[in-house]
């Protein structure tokens, strides 16, 4: 009986409440998935939570290309295509599809 493993301890379930939580509709999900499969690019939500809080902007870089900009250390590569859906933007870069909230602003 020495080799019997005890079950893991019970953890208390605490529901999380996130102030900046927003669901993406089924239509938008299907569009994103199909676009990702068509372009063979991964889907990234790296900037999504910050875009809900208006901490992310779309801006022009030195070469007049549009990039997703959060701060000096967090920004994307050049945006190749930008798709505006009902509640989100799908920003296609050379390697990735980024999902952003429609609350972002364009900065010159």
Protein backbone atom coordinates (compact mmCIF):
# COMPACT_ATOMS: atom_id res chain seq x y z
CA UNK A 1 0.00 0.00 0.00
CA UNK A 2 3.00 2.32 -0.02
CA UNK A 3 2.81 2.93 -3.74
CA UNK A 4 -0.76 4.31 -3.72
CA UNK A 5 -0.83 8.00 -4.63
CA UNK A 6 -3.09 10.27 -2.66
CA UNK A 7 -5.59 12.27 -4.70
CA UNK A 8 -4.75 15.93 -5.21
CA UNK A 9 -6.10 18.34 -2.62
CA UNK A 10 -9.42 19.99 -3.30
CA UNK A 11 -9.12 23.56 -4.44
CA UNK A 12 -11.73 26.14 -3.77
CA UNK A 13 -13.34 27.39 -6.94
CA UNK A 14 -13.39 31.17 -7.13
CA UNK A 15 -15.16 32.67 -10.11
CA UNK A 16 -13.17 35.38 -11.76
CA UNK A 17 -14.77 38.62 -12.73
CA UNK A 18 -13.00 40.57 -15.40
CA UNK A 19 -14.03 44.11 -16.03
CA UNK A 20 -12.72 44.10 -19.58
CA UNK A 21 -14.39 40.97 -20.89
CA UNK A 22 -16.19 40.94 -24.19
CA UNK A 23 -17.35 37.96 -26.22
CA UNK A 24 -16.66 37.68 -29.92
CA UNK A 25 -19.69 36.67 -31.99
CA UNK A 26 -19.88 33.39 -33.91
CA UNK A 27 -19.78 35.21 -37.24
CA UNK A 28 -16.56 36.99 -36.23
CA UNK A 29 -15.06 33.76 -34.92
CA UNK A 30 -15.80 31.98 -38.18
CA UNK A 31 -14.33 34.85 -40.19
CA UNK A 32 -11.13 34.87 -38.11
CA UNK A 33 -10.69 31.10 -38.29
CA UNK A 34 -11.33 30.95 -42.03
CA UNK A 35 -8.98 33.88 -42.67
CA UNK A 36 -6.29 32.20 -40.56
CA UNK A 37 -6.67 28.93 -42.45
CA UNK A 38 -6.73 30.72 -45.80
CA UNK A 39 -3.58 32.77 -45.08
CA UNK A 40 -1.92 30.04 -42.97
CA UNK A 41 -1.21 32.50 -40.16
CA UNK A 42 -1.67 32.13 -36.39
CA UNK A 43 -4.32 34.12 -34.52
CA UNK A 44 -2.94 36.35 -31.77
CA UNK A 45 -4.89 38.05 -28.99
CA UNK A 46 -1.80 39.72 -27.52
CA UNK A 47 -3.17 43.27 -27.86
CA UNK A 48 -6.89 42.48 -27.46
CA UNK A 49 -7.28 42.99 -23.71
CA UNK A 50 -5.33 46.24 -23.85
CA UNK A 51 -7.38 47.44 -26.81
CA UNK A 52 -10.53 47.08 -24.70
CA UNK A 53 -8.96 49.54 -22.25
CA UNK A 54 -7.85 51.94 -25.03
CA UNK A 55 -4.18 51.25 -24.30
CA UNK A 56 -3.41 50.29 -27.92
CA UNK A 57 -3.30 52.51 -31.01
CA UNK A 58 -2.79 52.10 -34.71
CA UNK A 59 -0.10 54.46 -35.87
CA UNK A 60 2.30 55.16 -38.71
CA UNK A 61 5.97 54.29 -38.30
CA UNK A 62 8.98 56.00 -39.92
CA UNK A 63 8.29 54.32 -43.28
CA UNK A 64 4.61 55.37 -43.29
CA UNK A 65 3.49 51.81 -42.60
CA UNK A 66 0.69 51.18 -40.10
CA UNK A 67 1.62 49.23 -36.96
CA UNK A 68 -0.18 48.23 -33.75
CA UNK A 69 1.48 50.22 -30.99
CA UNK A 70 1.19 49.77 -27.24
CA UNK A 71 4.50 51.14 -25.96
CA UNK A 72 8.16 51.24 -26.96
CA UNK A 73 8.61 47.53 -26.29
CA UNK A 74 5.24 46.21 -27.49
CA UNK A 75 4.33 46.79 -31.10
CA UNK A 76 3.62 44.70 -34.18
CA UNK A 77 5.20 44.45 -37.58
CA UNK A 78 3.69 46.27 -40.55
CA UNK A 79 -0.01 45.74 -41.15
CA UNK A 80 -0.66 44.24 -44.58
CA UNK A 81 -4.48 44.24 -44.40
CA UNK A 82 -7.07 45.53 -41.95
CA UNK A 83 -10.56 44.02 -41.70
CA UNK A 84 -13.26 45.82 -39.72
CA UNK A 85 -16.00 43.58 -38.39
CA UNK A 86 -18.91 44.56 -36.14
CA UNK A 87 -17.03 44.73 -32.83
CA UNK A 88 -13.42 43.97 -33.71
CA UNK A 89 -10.58 44.70 -36.10
CA UNK A 90 -8.59 41.86 -37.65
CA UNK A 91 -5.13 43.18 -38.41
CA UNK A 92 -3.10 41.03 -40.76
CA UNK A 93 0.66 41.42 -40.54
CA UNK A 94 3.28 39.52 -42.51
CA UNK A 95 3.17 36.58 -40.08
CA UNK A 96 0.15 36.92 -37.78
CA UNK A 97 -3.52 37.86 -37.50
CA UNK A 98 -4.02 40.19 -34.53
CA UNK A 99 -7.46 40.68 -33.01
CA UNK A 100 -8.25 44.16 -31.64
CA UNK A 101 -11.31 45.81 -30.20
CA UNK A 102 -13.10 48.43 -32.27
CA UNK A 103 -12.28 50.98 -29.53
CA UNK A 104 -8.77 51.58 -30.83
CA UNK A 105 -7.88 54.89 -32.43
CA UNK A 106 -5.63 55.87 -35.32
CA UNK A 107 -2.78 58.16 -34.30
CA UNK A 108 -0.76 60.20 -36.80
